[in-house]
Amino acid sequence: MSESDFTLADLARIVAARARSGDAGSYTAKLMGAGVPRIARKFGEEAVEAVIASLQEDDAALVSETADVLYHLLVLLEARNIPLAAVMAELEKRTAQTGLAEKASRGPSA
C-alpha cells in the first residue's frame, strides 16, 4: 500500500471551502444545502456499506467505503460547525489511558 501525506485535516479544509462555495456543481455544497438530517442519513448509509464490505472481506470496497464514511463525517461536522480539531482533541484525551479504562470512565451507555 502506498503512503500518502494527505490528512483528514486536509480533507476537512477542502470540505469547509466547498461547503461555503455556493458552487452548484459541488456535491459538498449540495449536501450542505440539504441540511443536517440528509447529511446524517448519508453518513449512516455509508457506514452500513463499510460494515458490509468488511464482512464480505472485500478490502478494496472497504477502503472505498471508508473514504466515503470519513468524507461524509467531515461534511456532517462542518454542517454542525464542529471543527475536526475538537474531535482530535477528544481522541487525544482518550488515549491518555488504556482503551478499556477510558470506556469504563464514560459510564454504562458507552
N, C-alpha and C. Protein backbone atom coordinates (compact mmCIF):
# COMPACT_ATOMS: atom_id res chain seq x y z
N MET A 1 0.83 -1.18 0.00
CA MET A 1 0.00 0.00 0.00
C MET A 1 0.88 1.25 0.00
N SER A 2 0.47 2.24 -0.76
CA SER A 2 1.27 3.46 -0.82
C SER A 2 0.97 4.37 0.36
N GLU A 3 1.96 5.15 0.72
CA GLU A 3 1.82 6.10 1.82
C GLU A 3 1.44 7.46 1.25
N SER A 4 0.63 8.19 1.97
CA SER A 4 0.17 9.49 1.49
C SER A 4 0.39 10.55 2.56
N ASP A 5 0.69 11.76 2.13
CA ASP A 5 0.81 12.88 3.05
C ASP A 5 -0.53 13.58 3.25
N PHE A 6 -1.56 13.14 2.54
CA PHE A 6 -2.90 13.73 2.64
C PHE A 6 -3.49 13.34 3.99
N THR A 7 -4.04 14.33 4.71
CA THR A 7 -4.56 14.08 6.05
C THR A 7 -6.05 14.39 6.14
N LEU A 8 -6.65 13.97 7.23
CA LEU A 8 -8.05 14.32 7.48
C LEU A 8 -8.19 15.84 7.61
N ALA A 9 -7.19 16.49 8.16
CA ALA A 9 -7.22 17.95 8.26
C ALA A 9 -7.25 18.58 6.87
N ASP A 10 -6.50 18.01 5.92
CA ASP A 10 -6.55 18.49 4.53
C ASP A 10 -7.97 18.35 3.97
N LEU A 11 -8.56 17.18 4.18
CA LEU A 11 -9.91 16.93 3.69
C LEU A 11 -10.91 17.86 4.36
N ALA A 12 -10.76 18.09 5.65
CA ALA A 12 -11.67 18.99 6.37
C ALA A 12 -11.60 20.41 5.80
N ARG A 13 -10.39 20.86 5.43
CA ARG A 13 -10.24 22.19 4.82
C ARG A 13 -10.94 22.25 3.45
N ILE A 14 -10.81 21.19 2.67
CA ILE A 14 -11.46 21.14 1.36
C ILE A 14 -12.98 21.13 1.54
N VAL A 15 -13.47 20.32 2.47
CA VAL A 15 -14.91 20.27 2.74
C VAL A 15 -15.42 21.64 3.15
N ALA A 16 -14.71 22.30 4.05
CA ALA A 16 -15.14 23.63 4.52
C ALA A 16 -15.20 24.63 3.37
N ALA A 17 -14.20 24.62 2.51
CA ALA A 17 -14.17 25.56 1.38
C ALA A 17 -15.32 25.27 0.41
N ARG A 18 -15.52 24.01 0.11
CA ARG A 18 -16.60 23.66 -0.83
C ARG A 18 -17.97 23.87 -0.23
N ALA A 19 -18.09 23.68 1.07
CA ALA A 19 -19.38 23.88 1.75
C ALA A 19 -19.84 25.32 1.63
N ARG A 20 -18.89 26.23 1.61
CA ARG A 20 -19.21 27.66 1.56
C ARG A 20 -19.17 28.22 0.14
N SER A 21 -18.83 27.38 -0.82
CA SER A 21 -18.58 27.87 -2.18
C SER A 21 -19.84 28.31 -2.92
N GLY A 22 -20.97 27.71 -2.60
CA GLY A 22 -22.18 28.02 -3.36
C GLY A 22 -22.14 27.48 -4.77
N ASP A 23 -21.14 26.67 -5.08
CA ASP A 23 -20.97 26.09 -6.41
C ASP A 23 -22.06 25.05 -6.66
N ALA A 24 -22.90 25.29 -7.65
CA ALA A 24 -24.00 24.37 -7.97
C ALA A 24 -23.48 23.00 -8.41
N GLY A 25 -22.24 22.92 -8.85
CA GLY A 25 -21.66 21.66 -9.28
C GLY A 25 -20.95 20.90 -8.17
N SER A 26 -20.96 21.45 -6.96
CA SER A 26 -20.26 20.84 -5.84
C SER A 26 -21.20 19.92 -5.06
N TYR A 27 -20.81 18.65 -4.95
CA TYR A 27 -21.60 17.70 -4.16
C TYR A 27 -21.62 18.12 -2.70
N THR A 28 -20.50 18.63 -2.21
CA THR A 28 -20.43 19.08 -0.82
C THR A 28 -21.41 20.23 -0.57
N ALA A 29 -21.42 21.20 -1.48
CA ALA A 29 -22.35 22.33 -1.34
C ALA A 29 -23.80 21.85 -1.41
N LYS A 30 -24.06 20.89 -2.28
CA LYS A 30 -25.42 20.32 -2.40
C LYS A 30 -25.84 19.65 -1.10
N LEU A 31 -24.94 18.85 -0.51
CA LEU A 31 -25.24 18.21 0.77
C LEU A 31 -25.51 19.24 1.85
N MET A 32 -24.67 20.25 1.91
CA MET A 32 -24.85 21.29 2.93
C MET A 32 -26.21 21.97 2.76
N GLY A 33 -26.62 22.20 1.52
CA GLY A 33 -27.90 22.81 1.26
C GLY A 33 -29.07 21.93 1.68
N ALA A 34 -28.85 20.62 1.68
CA ALA A 34 -29.91 19.67 2.07
C ALA A 34 -30.09 19.61 3.58
N GLY A 35 -29.08 20.03 4.33
CA GLY A 35 -29.19 20.11 5.78
C GLY A 35 -28.69 18.88 6.53
N VAL A 36 -28.61 19.06 7.82
CA VAL A 36 -28.05 18.03 8.71
C VAL A 36 -28.79 16.70 8.62
N PRO A 37 -30.12 16.66 8.60
CA PRO A 37 -30.79 15.35 8.53
C PRO A 37 -30.36 14.52 7.30
N ARG A 38 -30.26 15.17 6.15
CA ARG A 38 -29.85 14.45 4.93
C ARG A 38 -28.40 14.02 5.02
N ILE A 39 -27.55 14.90 5.52
CA ILE A 39 -26.13 14.55 5.67
C ILE A 39 -25.97 13.39 6.64
N ALA A 40 -26.70 13.42 7.73
CA ALA A 40 -26.62 12.34 8.73
C ALA A 40 -27.08 11.02 8.13
N ARG A 41 -28.16 11.05 7.35
CA ARG A 41 -28.64 9.81 6.70
C ARG A 41 -27.59 9.27 5.75
N LYS A 42 -26.98 10.16 4.98
CA LYS A 42 -25.96 9.73 4.03
C LYS A 42 -24.76 9.15 4.76
N PHE A 43 -24.35 9.77 5.85
CA PHE A 43 -23.25 9.24 6.66
C PHE A 43 -23.61 7.83 7.16
N GLY A 44 -24.83 7.66 7.65
CA GLY A 44 -25.27 6.35 8.12
C GLY A 44 -25.27 5.30 7.02
N GLU A 45 -25.73 5.68 5.85
CA GLU A 45 -25.73 4.74 4.71
C GLU A 45 -24.31 4.30 4.38
N GLU A 46 -23.40 5.24 4.37
CA GLU A 46 -22.01 4.91 4.05
C GLU A 46 -21.38 4.04 5.13
N ALA A 47 -21.73 4.28 6.39
CA ALA A 47 -21.21 3.45 7.48
C ALA A 47 -21.69 2.01 7.34
N VAL A 48 -22.97 1.84 6.99
CA VAL A 48 -23.51 0.49 6.78
C VAL A 48 -22.79 -0.19 5.62
N GLU A 49 -22.55 0.55 4.54
CA GLU A 49 -21.84 -0.01 3.40
C GLU A 49 -20.42 -0.43 3.78
N ALA A 50 -19.78 0.32 4.67
CA ALA A 50 -18.44 -0.06 5.14
C ALA A 50 -18.50 -1.34 5.96
N VAL A 51 -19.52 -1.48 6.79
CA VAL A 51 -19.70 -2.71 7.57
C VAL A 51 -19.88 -3.90 6.63
N ILE A 52 -20.73 -3.73 5.64
CA ILE A 52 -20.98 -4.82 4.69
C ILE A 52 -19.69 -5.21 3.97
N ALA A 53 -18.94 -4.23 3.52
CA ALA A 53 -17.67 -4.52 2.83
C ALA A 53 -16.71 -5.26 3.75
N SER A 54 -16.68 -4.88 5.02
CA SER A 54 -15.77 -5.57 5.95
C SER A 54 -16.20 -7.01 6.18
N LEU A 55 -17.50 -7.24 6.26
CA LEU A 55 -18.00 -8.61 6.47
C LEU A 55 -17.81 -9.48 5.24
N GLN A 56 -17.81 -8.86 4.08
CA GLN A 56 -17.59 -9.60 2.83
C GLN A 56 -16.10 -9.79 2.56
N GLU A 57 -15.27 -9.25 3.44
CA GLU A 57 -13.83 -9.34 3.32
C GLU A 57 -13.34 -8.81 1.97
N ASP A 58 -13.96 -7.72 1.52
CA ASP A 58 -13.60 -7.08 0.26
C ASP A 58 -12.78 -5.84 0.60
N ASP A 59 -11.46 -6.00 0.60
CA ASP A 59 -10.57 -4.92 1.03
C ASP A 59 -10.71 -3.66 0.18
N ALA A 60 -10.80 -3.81 -1.12
CA ALA A 60 -10.93 -2.63 -2.00
C ALA A 60 -12.22 -1.89 -1.70
N ALA A 61 -13.30 -2.62 -1.53
CA ALA A 61 -14.59 -1.98 -1.22
C ALA A 61 -14.53 -1.32 0.16
N LEU A 62 -13.87 -1.97 1.12
CA LEU A 62 -13.77 -1.39 2.46
C LEU A 62 -12.98 -0.09 2.42
N VAL A 63 -11.90 -0.05 1.66
CA VAL A 63 -11.13 1.19 1.52
C VAL A 63 -12.01 2.28 0.92
N SER A 64 -12.73 1.97 -0.14
CA SER A 64 -13.59 2.93 -0.80
C SER A 64 -14.71 3.42 0.12
N GLU A 65 -15.36 2.49 0.80
CA GLU A 65 -16.46 2.87 1.70
C GLU A 65 -15.96 3.65 2.90
N THR A 66 -14.77 3.32 3.38
CA THR A 66 -14.20 4.07 4.50
C THR A 66 -13.92 5.51 4.08
N ALA A 67 -13.44 5.70 2.86
CA ALA A 67 -13.23 7.05 2.35
C ALA A 67 -14.56 7.81 2.32
N ASP A 68 -15.63 7.12 1.89
CA ASP A 68 -16.95 7.75 1.88
C ASP A 68 -17.42 8.11 3.29
N VAL A 69 -17.18 7.20 4.24
CA VAL A 69 -17.56 7.46 5.64
C VAL A 69 -16.84 8.68 6.18
N LEU A 70 -15.53 8.73 5.98
CA LEU A 70 -14.75 9.85 6.51
C LEU A 70 -15.18 11.17 5.86
N TYR A 71 -15.39 11.16 4.56
CA TYR A 71 -15.84 12.37 3.87
C TYR A 71 -17.19 12.84 4.42
N HIS A 72 -18.16 11.94 4.49
CA HIS A 72 -19.49 12.33 4.96
C HIS A 72 -19.48 12.73 6.44
N LEU A 73 -18.61 12.13 7.24
CA LEU A 73 -18.48 12.54 8.63
C LEU A 73 -17.96 13.98 8.71
N LEU A 74 -16.98 14.30 7.89
CA LEU A 74 -16.45 15.66 7.90
C LEU A 74 -17.48 16.67 7.40
N VAL A 75 -18.30 16.28 6.42
CA VAL A 75 -19.38 17.17 5.98
C VAL A 75 -20.37 17.37 7.13
N LEU A 76 -20.69 16.31 7.85
CA LEU A 76 -21.61 16.40 8.98
C LEU A 76 -21.05 17.31 10.07
N LEU A 77 -19.78 17.15 10.38
CA LEU A 77 -19.14 18.02 11.37
C LEU A 77 -19.19 19.48 10.91
N GLU A 78 -18.89 19.70 9.65
CA GLU A 78 -18.92 21.06 9.10
C GLU A 78 -20.33 21.65 9.20
N ALA A 79 -21.33 20.85 8.89
CA ALA A 79 -22.72 21.33 8.95
C ALA A 79 -23.12 21.70 10.37
N ARG A 80 -22.53 21.03 11.34
CA ARG A 80 -22.82 21.32 12.75
C ARG A 80 -21.83 22.31 13.36
N ASN A 81 -20.92 22.84 12.53
CA ASN A 81 -19.91 23.80 12.99
C ASN A 81 -19.01 23.23 14.09
N ILE A 82 -18.68 21.97 13.95
CA ILE A 82 -17.77 21.30 14.89
C ILE A 82 -16.45 21.08 14.15
N PRO A 83 -15.38 21.71 14.61
CA PRO A 83 -14.10 21.53 13.92
C PRO A 83 -13.51 20.15 14.17
N LEU A 84 -12.84 19.63 13.16
CA LEU A 84 -12.15 18.35 13.30
C LEU A 84 -11.20 18.40 14.50
N ALA A 85 -10.62 19.55 14.77
CA ALA A 85 -9.70 19.69 15.91
C ALA A 85 -10.37 19.31 17.23
N ALA A 86 -11.67 19.56 17.36
CA ALA A 86 -12.39 19.18 18.59
C ALA A 86 -12.45 17.66 18.73
N VAL A 87 -12.67 16.98 17.62
CA VAL A 87 -12.70 15.51 17.64
C VAL A 87 -11.31 14.97 17.94
N MET A 88 -10.30 15.56 17.32
CA MET A 88 -8.92 15.11 17.55
C MET A 88 -8.51 15.34 19.00
N ALA A 89 -8.94 16.45 19.59
CA ALA A 89 -8.63 16.72 21.00
C ALA A 89 -9.30 15.67 21.89
N GLU A 90 -10.51 15.30 21.56
CA GLU A 90 -11.20 14.25 22.33
C GLU A 90 -10.47 12.92 22.22
N LEU A 91 -10.03 12.58 21.01
CA LEU A 91 -9.27 11.34 20.82
C LEU A 91 -7.95 11.38 21.58
N GLU A 92 -7.29 12.53 21.54
CA GLU A 92 -6.02 12.67 22.27
C GLU A 92 -6.24 12.47 23.77
N LYS A 93 -7.31 13.06 24.28
CA LYS A 93 -7.64 12.92 25.70
C LYS A 93 -7.88 11.45 26.05
N ARG A 94 -8.59 10.76 25.17
CA ARG A 94 -8.91 9.35 25.43
C ARG A 94 -7.69 8.45 25.38
N THR A 95 -6.69 8.81 24.61
CA THR A 95 -5.50 7.97 24.51
C THR A 95 -4.56 8.13 25.70
N ALA A 96 -4.90 9.02 26.61
CA ALA A 96 -4.08 9.21 27.81
C ALA A 96 -4.21 8.02 28.76
N GLN A 97 -5.19 7.16 28.53
CA GLN A 97 -5.36 5.95 29.35
C GLN A 97 -5.67 4.79 28.42
N THR A 98 -5.67 3.59 28.96
CA THR A 98 -5.97 2.44 28.12
C THR A 98 -7.41 2.53 27.62
N GLY A 99 -7.67 1.89 26.51
CA GLY A 99 -9.00 1.92 25.91
C GLY A 99 -10.09 1.41 26.82
N LEU A 100 -9.83 0.32 27.53
CA LEU A 100 -10.84 -0.24 28.42
C LEU A 100 -11.11 0.67 29.61
N ALA A 101 -10.06 1.29 30.15
CA ALA A 101 -10.25 2.20 31.28
C ALA A 101 -11.00 3.45 30.82
N GLU A 102 -10.67 3.94 29.64
CA GLU A 102 -11.34 5.13 29.12
C GLU A 102 -12.81 4.83 28.89
N LYS A 103 -13.11 3.69 28.29
CA LYS A 103 -14.50 3.33 28.02
C LYS A 103 -15.29 3.19 29.33
N ALA A 104 -14.69 2.57 30.32
CA ALA A 104 -15.36 2.40 31.62
C ALA A 104 -15.64 3.76 32.26
N SER A 105 -14.76 4.74 32.02
CA SER A 105 -14.95 6.06 32.65
C SER A 105 -16.14 6.81 32.04
N ARG A 106 -16.57 6.39 30.85
CA ARG A 106 -17.72 7.05 30.19
C ARG A 106 -19.05 6.56 30.73
N GLY A 107 -19.06 5.52 31.54
CA GLY A 107 -20.30 5.04 32.13
C GLY A 107 -20.95 3.92 31.34
N PRO A 108 -22.11 3.47 31.80
CA PRO A 108 -22.76 2.28 31.23
C PRO A 108 -23.27 2.45 29.80
N SER A 109 -23.53 3.65 29.33
CA SER A 109 -24.07 3.83 27.97
C SER A 109 -23.01 3.78 26.90
N ALA A 110 -21.74 3.76 27.28
CA ALA A 110 -20.65 3.82 26.29
C ALA A 110 -20.48 2.53 25.55
